[in-house]
């Protein structure tokens, strides 16, 4: 089967564009130029994307003061440099650049592009050597799109926490995107898993394999008197100081958000004491490491050991409404954007 290459732009596409930072209303459905793949890129016809927690933060620019200025310089001081949000996607390869060898037209793929963004559109170009792979056949495009949270959970639990069979692991925020994946992955590694979530999500977290669940609206897990080898705070709503007494002698507290306090505690505990604070930005790991994680994740998906949890689905034109929902901070698993294509695209 011959590869199809694109040598010139082939028209317009629909995309959600924002020209300035602000509330969800700044997101507008527009006709923009359909991208053309470079020699080392593939053009993906997007069928599904996600609104991750970071998307509303980028849109409104509500980042931690610690990272506000450097991120503002990166993303654009007065207006956004990249005007189409969305980092996770799944779809079909529409065309490939002349140097591409790993993919061909018609491949069903999924992946993530944290630096390039642009997934909230009908089409997106991705580098062949990026974090992208052929989609496992046993999941849909909508289930494949939320790849980031599962990659982060796998990186944290396997390579940062080194979770072993028989260990006790607590997941705070167990019903979120990272949390739902973390519960399943920790169980796969043979851990005894406790999930912390709200009342409405208790049954969901149990169904994912959690051995115990704690309703944070009724009980403070830091006062439970239990001991854990790993506490993974996916929502950064607790702290090492509050959780230190719950950690085993060589226990590890891991936060999903790198606040200044977490970074200082990480440095301090690396030198003193047996209980450690750790953090790892999965998206900043070297590309070979992220591709290794993606291969390991695919193996788990194909074996039926991990599944995506989808809270709500919104069509592309309702992306602003999806942002409003995600900003409330109560989503279960992932919020997916579905992209319809008419016969002309």
Protein backbone atom coordinates (compact mmCIF):
# COMPACT_ATOMS: atom_id res chain seq x y z
CA UNK A 1 0.00 0.00 0.00
CA UNK A 2 1.55 3.28 -1.10
CA UNK A 3 1.88 6.15 1.29
CA UNK A 4 -0.10 9.29 0.54
CA UNK A 5 1.73 12.56 0.93
CA UNK A 6 0.37 16.09 0.99
CA UNK A 7 2.33 18.76 -0.83
CA UNK A 8 -0.07 21.69 -0.63
CA UNK A 9 -2.75 22.94 1.70
CA UNK A 10 -6.09 21.33 0.99
CA UNK A 11 -8.61 23.86 2.29
CA UNK A 12 -10.28 24.83 5.53
CA UNK A 13 -11.23 23.03 8.71
CA UNK A 14 -13.27 23.73 11.82
CA UNK A 15 -11.39 24.50 15.02
CA UNK A 16 -11.96 26.05 18.43
CA UNK A 17 -9.86 29.22 18.50
CA UNK A 18 -9.10 31.73 21.25
CA UNK A 19 -7.43 35.06 20.53
CA UNK A 20 -7.12 36.27 24.12
CA UNK A 21 -6.98 34.90 27.67
CA UNK A 22 -10.25 34.88 29.53
CA UNK A 23 -13.47 32.99 30.39
CA UNK A 24 -14.91 30.15 28.27
CA UNK A 25 -16.59 32.71 26.03
CA UNK A 26 -13.24 33.50 24.40
CA UNK A 27 -13.41 30.08 22.72
CA UNK A 28 -14.91 30.43 19.24
CA UNK A 29 -15.66 27.90 16.51
CA UNK A 30 -13.85 29.15 13.40
CA UNK A 31 -12.88 28.10 9.90
CA UNK A 32 -9.08 28.01 9.77
CA UNK A 33 -6.48 26.66 7.39
CA UNK A 34 -6.23 22.90 7.36
CA UNK A 35 -2.64 22.03 8.32
CA UNK A 36 -0.19 20.46 5.90
CA UNK A 37 2.17 17.79 7.25
CA UNK A 38 5.89 18.41 7.03
CA UNK A 39 8.16 15.70 5.65
CA UNK A 40 8.41 14.04 9.10
CA UNK A 41 4.77 14.52 10.13
CA UNK A 42 1.43 12.78 9.80
CA UNK A 43 -1.89 14.54 9.31
CA UNK A 44 -4.48 13.12 11.68
CA UNK A 45 -8.20 13.40 11.06
CA UNK A 46 -9.33 13.94 14.65
CA UNK A 47 -12.30 11.92 15.88
CA UNK A 48 -11.90 12.54 19.61
CA UNK A 49 -9.97 14.88 21.88
CA UNK A 50 -10.21 15.82 25.56
CA UNK A 51 -10.58 18.88 27.74
CA UNK A 52 -7.96 18.21 30.41
CA UNK A 53 -7.73 20.23 33.62
CA UNK A 54 -4.84 22.17 32.10
CA UNK A 55 -6.89 23.44 29.15
CA UNK A 56 -9.06 25.89 31.14
CA UNK A 57 -5.91 26.93 33.04
CA UNK A 58 -4.17 27.80 29.77
CA UNK A 59 -7.28 29.56 28.48
CA UNK A 60 -7.77 31.75 31.56
CA UNK A 61 -4.11 31.64 32.61
CA UNK A 62 -4.75 30.66 36.23
CA UNK A 63 -1.44 28.96 36.92
CA UNK A 64 0.47 28.80 40.18
CA UNK A 65 2.34 32.06 40.95
CA UNK A 66 5.54 30.00 40.98
CA UNK A 67 5.20 29.30 37.25
CA UNK A 68 3.10 32.28 36.15
CA UNK A 69 5.83 34.42 34.56
CA UNK A 70 7.84 31.69 32.81
CA UNK A 71 4.66 30.10 31.45
CA UNK A 72 3.33 33.48 30.36
CA UNK A 73 6.54 34.02 28.41
CA UNK A 74 6.20 30.57 26.83
CA UNK A 75 2.48 30.75 26.05
CA UNK A 76 2.35 34.44 25.10
CA UNK A 77 2.63 37.59 27.21
CA UNK A 78 -0.32 39.61 25.88
CA UNK A 79 -2.21 36.97 23.88
CA UNK A 80 -1.87 33.22 23.34
CA UNK A 81 0.75 32.12 20.84
CA UNK A 82 -1.01 28.83 20.15
CA UNK A 83 -4.62 29.66 19.47
CA UNK A 84 -6.03 26.11 19.43
CA UNK A 85 -6.02 24.18 22.70
CA UNK A 86 -6.16 20.43 23.30
CA UNK A 87 -3.20 18.08 23.73
CA UNK A 88 -4.79 14.59 23.61
CA UNK A 89 -6.40 13.08 20.54
CA UNK A 90 -7.37 9.97 18.63
CA UNK A 91 -8.23 9.65 14.97
CA UNK A 92 -7.20 8.39 11.56
CA UNK A 93 -4.09 9.16 9.55
CA UNK A 94 -5.25 11.22 6.58
CA UNK A 95 -1.84 11.67 4.96
CA UNK A 96 1.87 11.38 5.73
CA UNK A 97 5.01 13.39 4.90
CA UNK A 98 7.49 11.89 2.46
CA UNK A 99 9.96 10.81 5.19
CA UNK A 100 7.42 9.06 7.42
CA UNK A 101 7.99 5.31 7.77
CA UNK A 102 6.09 4.27 10.92
CA UNK A 103 2.57 5.28 9.84
CA UNK A 104 0.47 5.19 6.70
CA UNK A 105 -2.85 6.54 5.49
CA UNK A 106 -5.77 4.86 7.25
CA UNK A 107 -3.96 3.97 10.46
CA UNK A 108 -6.11 4.46 13.55
CA UNK A 109 -3.88 6.35 15.99
CA UNK A 110 -3.87 8.11 19.36
CA UNK A 111 -1.37 10.34 21.07
CA UNK A 112 -0.55 13.53 22.89
CA UNK A 113 1.20 16.78 21.99
CA UNK A 114 1.62 18.90 25.12
CA UNK A 115 3.85 21.52 23.51
CA UNK A 116 2.10 21.84 20.16
CA UNK A 117 -1.53 21.59 21.37
CA UNK A 118 -4.09 22.03 18.57
CA UNK A 119 -6.25 18.94 19.16
CA UNK A 120 -9.54 20.87 19.37
CA UNK A 121 -9.86 20.86 15.61
CA UNK A 122 -10.88 18.60 12.74
CA UNK A 123 -7.25 17.95 11.78
CA UNK A 124 -3.86 18.10 13.45
CA UNK A 125 -0.30 17.34 12.39
CA UNK A 126 1.90 15.26 14.66
CA UNK A 127 5.59 14.39 14.26
CA UNK A 128 6.22 10.75 13.40
CA UNK A 129 8.63 10.50 16.33
CA UNK A 130 6.18 12.09 18.76
CA UNK A 131 4.11 10.44 21.50
CA UNK A 132 1.76 8.64 19.13
CA UNK A 133 0.95 5.03 18.32
CA UNK A 134 -1.56 2.85 16.52
CA UNK A 135 -4.71 2.63 18.65
CA UNK A 136 -5.41 -0.71 20.33
CA UNK A 137 -8.26 -2.37 18.49
CA UNK A 138 -10.19 -3.17 21.67
CA UNK A 139 -10.96 0.47 22.52
CA UNK A 140 -12.79 3.28 20.73
CA UNK A 141 -11.30 6.60 19.68
CA UNK A 142 -13.13 8.25 22.58
CA UNK A 143 -11.57 5.79 25.01
CA UNK A 144 -8.13 6.22 23.45
CA UNK A 145 -7.98 10.01 23.55
CA UNK A 146 -7.48 10.44 27.36
CA UNK A 147 -3.94 9.06 27.22
CA UNK A 148 -2.14 11.70 29.31
CA UNK A 149 -3.59 10.79 32.69
CA UNK A 150 -2.82 7.11 32.26
CA UNK A 151 0.75 7.87 31.16
CA UNK A 152 1.24 10.06 34.23
CA UNK A 153 -0.19 7.42 36.56
CA UNK A 154 2.01 4.70 35.06
CA UNK A 155 5.12 6.88 35.28
CA UNK A 156 4.44 7.82 38.92
CA UNK A 157 3.51 4.38 40.20
CA UNK A 158 6.11 2.32 38.32
CA UNK A 159 9.13 4.57 37.96
CA UNK A 160 8.77 7.11 40.77
CA UNK A 161 7.06 5.16 43.56
CA UNK A 162 8.25 1.70 42.39
CA UNK A 163 5.02 0.12 43.64
CA UNK A 164 5.44 -3.54 44.56
CA UNK A 165 2.97 -6.34 45.14
CA UNK A 166 1.58 -6.31 48.67
CA UNK A 167 2.27 -2.63 49.32
CA UNK A 168 -0.46 -0.31 50.52
CA UNK A 169 -1.21 2.59 48.17
CA UNK A 170 -3.59 5.49 48.77
CA UNK A 171 -4.86 7.49 45.79
CA UNK A 172 -6.26 10.89 46.72
CA UNK A 173 -8.53 12.12 43.93
CA UNK A 174 -9.24 8.56 42.81
CA UNK A 175 -12.15 9.49 40.54
CA UNK A 176 -10.29 11.99 38.32
CA UNK A 177 -8.45 11.40 35.06
CA UNK A 178 -5.13 10.46 36.66
CA UNK A 179 -6.82 8.91 39.69
CA UNK A 180 -9.00 6.42 37.81
CA UNK A 181 -5.95 5.21 35.89
CA UNK A 182 -3.83 5.12 39.05
CA UNK A 183 -6.30 2.87 40.88
CA UNK A 184 -6.26 0.35 38.03
CA UNK A 185 -2.48 0.44 37.55
CA UNK A 186 -1.74 0.10 41.28
CA UNK A 187 -4.03 -2.94 41.39
CA UNK A 188 -2.25 -4.39 38.37
CA UNK A 189 1.03 -4.12 40.29
CA UNK A 190 -0.54 -6.09 43.14
CA UNK A 191 -0.97 -3.28 45.65
CA UNK A 192 -3.71 -2.94 48.23
CA UNK A 193 -5.43 0.21 47.02
CA UNK A 194 -7.40 2.79 48.98
CA UNK A 195 -9.19 5.43 46.92
CA UNK A 196 -10.28 8.81 48.28
CA UNK A 197 -13.17 10.51 46.49
CA UNK A 198 -16.61 12.07 47.04
CA UNK A 199 -19.82 10.23 47.89
CA UNK A 200 -21.10 10.12 44.31
CA UNK A 201 -17.91 8.44 43.05
CA UNK A 202 -17.48 5.70 45.66
CA UNK A 203 -19.03 2.95 43.51
CA UNK A 204 -17.03 4.01 40.46
CA UNK A 205 -13.72 3.77 42.33
CA UNK A 206 -14.74 0.39 43.79
CA UNK A 207 -15.57 -0.85 40.29
CA UNK A 208 -12.05 0.05 39.15
CA UNK A 209 -10.60 -2.31 41.72
CA UNK A 210 -10.03 -0.24 44.86
CA UNK A 211 -9.93 -2.47 47.96
CA UNK A 212 -11.13 0.37 50.18
CA UNK A 213 -12.73 3.74 49.55
CA UNK A 214 -12.84 6.81 51.75
CA UNK A 215 -15.49 9.50 51.30
CA UNK A 216 -13.63 12.75 51.88
CA UNK A 217 -16.91 14.59 52.51
CA UNK A 218 -17.43 12.44 55.62
CA UNK A 219 -13.95 11.40 56.71
CA UNK A 220 -10.47 12.94 56.76
CA UNK A 221 -8.19 10.21 55.46
CA UNK A 222 -5.20 11.78 57.21
CA UNK A 223 -6.86 10.93 60.54
CA UNK A 224 -7.71 7.32 59.68
CA UNK A 225 -4.78 5.85 61.63
CA UNK A 226 -3.85 3.68 58.62
CA UNK A 227 -0.33 3.37 57.23
CA UNK A 228 0.60 3.45 53.54
CA UNK A 229 3.74 2.78 51.55
CA UNK A 230 2.69 5.26 48.86
CA UNK A 231 0.34 8.23 49.01
CA UNK A 232 -0.33 9.61 45.53
CA UNK A 233 -2.14 12.95 45.74
CA UNK A 234 -3.41 13.37 42.19
CA UNK A 235 -5.33 16.55 43.05
CA UNK A 236 -2.78 18.12 45.43
CA UNK A 237 -5.48 18.82 48.00
CA UNK A 238 -3.43 17.47 50.89
CA UNK A 239 0.24 17.91 51.88
CA UNK A 240 3.30 15.97 53.01
CA UNK A 241 3.07 17.47 56.49
CA UNK A 242 -0.52 16.19 56.88
CA UNK A 243 0.30 12.79 55.37
CA UNK A 244 3.71 12.16 56.93
CA UNK A 245 2.25 10.30 59.91
CA UNK A 246 0.42 7.91 57.55
CA UNK A 247 3.56 6.88 55.68
CA UNK A 248 5.44 3.70 56.47
CA UNK A 249 9.08 3.96 57.51
CA UNK A 250 10.26 4.30 53.91
CA UNK A 251 6.99 5.64 52.57
CA UNK A 252 6.66 8.05 49.67
CA UNK A 253 4.32 11.05 49.26
CA UNK A 254 3.83 12.10 45.63
CA UNK A 255 2.05 15.25 44.51
CA UNK A 256 0.74 15.75 40.98
CA UNK A 257 1.36 19.51 41.14
CA UNK A 258 4.86 20.96 41.63
CA UNK A 259 4.23 23.79 44.10
CA UNK A 260 7.23 25.57 45.60
CA UNK A 261 6.56 23.83 48.91
CA UNK A 262 6.53 20.40 47.26
CA UNK A 263 9.77 21.09 45.41
CA UNK A 264 11.51 22.28 48.59
CA UNK A 265 10.23 19.25 50.53
CA UNK A 266 11.40 17.00 47.72
CA UNK A 267 14.90 18.47 48.01
CA UNK A 268 14.90 18.36 51.81
CA UNK A 269 13.62 14.78 52.17
CA UNK A 270 16.11 13.55 49.56
CA UNK A 271 18.85 14.41 52.08
CA UNK A 272 17.17 13.84 55.44
CA UNK A 273 14.86 11.15 56.82
CA UNK A 274 13.49 7.92 55.39
CA UNK A 275 10.12 9.28 54.24
CA UNK A 276 10.33 10.97 50.84
CA UNK A 277 8.45 13.59 48.84
CA UNK A 278 8.62 13.03 45.08
CA UNK A 279 7.31 14.62 41.91
CA UNK A 280 7.69 13.83 38.23
CA UNK A 281 6.42 15.83 35.26
CA UNK A 282 5.66 13.04 32.81
CA UNK A 283 5.26 15.45 29.90
CA UNK A 284 8.81 16.71 30.43
CA UNK A 285 10.39 13.27 30.42
CA UNK A 286 12.73 12.49 27.47
CA UNK A 287 10.87 11.29 24.39
CA UNK A 288 12.26 7.71 24.57
CA UNK A 289 10.94 7.43 28.15
CA UNK A 290 7.47 8.66 27.12
CA UNK A 291 7.39 6.25 24.18
CA UNK A 292 8.33 3.41 26.54
CA UNK A 293 5.46 4.43 28.81
CA UNK A 294 3.10 4.52 25.83
CA UNK A 295 4.11 0.98 24.78
CA UNK A 296 3.60 -0.29 28.33
CA UNK A 297 0.21 1.43 28.49
CA UNK A 298 -0.86 -0.13 25.19
CA UNK A 299 0.04 -3.57 26.55
CA UNK A 300 -2.15 -2.94 29.61
CA UNK A 301 -5.04 -1.75 27.43
CA UNK A 302 -4.80 -4.72 25.08
CA UNK A 303 -4.73 -7.08 28.06
CA UNK A 304 -7.90 -5.46 29.41
CA UNK A 305 -6.15 -4.33 32.60
CA UNK A 306 -6.98 -0.65 32.25
CA UNK A 307 -9.91 1.23 30.76
CA UNK A 308 -10.78 4.87 30.29
CA UNK A 309 -13.51 6.43 32.39
CA UNK A 310 -15.48 9.01 30.40
CA UNK A 311 -17.64 11.45 32.33
CA UNK A 312 -19.18 13.52 29.55
CA UNK A 313 -18.94 13.95 25.80
CA UNK A 314 -19.34 17.27 24.01
CA UNK A 315 -19.33 17.97 20.27
CA UNK A 316 -16.53 20.26 19.05
CA UNK A 317 -18.82 23.27 18.84
CA UNK A 318 -19.66 22.95 22.55
CA UNK A 319 -16.03 23.00 23.74
CA UNK A 320 -16.65 26.17 25.76
CA UNK A 321 -19.37 24.34 27.71
CA UNK A 322 -16.92 21.48 28.31
CA UNK A 323 -14.47 24.02 29.75
CA UNK A 324 -17.15 25.31 32.13
CA UNK A 325 -17.79 21.80 33.38
CA UNK A 326 -14.12 20.89 33.81
CA UNK A 327 -13.42 24.14 35.68
CA UNK A 328 -15.84 23.05 38.41
CA UNK A 329 -13.26 20.43 39.40
CA UNK A 330 -15.66 17.51 39.81
CA UNK A 331 -15.25 15.51 36.62
CA UNK A 332 -15.16 11.71 36.82
CA UNK A 333 -12.35 10.46 34.66
CA UNK A 334 -12.19 12.40 31.40
CA UNK A 335 -14.27 14.88 29.42
CA UNK A 336 -14.17 14.05 25.72
CA UNK A 337 -14.67 16.25 22.68
CA UNK A 338 -16.16 14.39 19.73
CA UNK A 339 -15.38 15.65 16.22
CA UNK A 340 -17.80 14.97 13.40
CA UNK A 341 -16.64 15.16 9.77
CA UNK A 342 -18.95 15.86 6.88
CA UNK A 343 -18.34 14.43 3.44
CA UNK A 344 -16.41 17.49 2.28
CA UNK A 345 -13.58 17.18 4.86
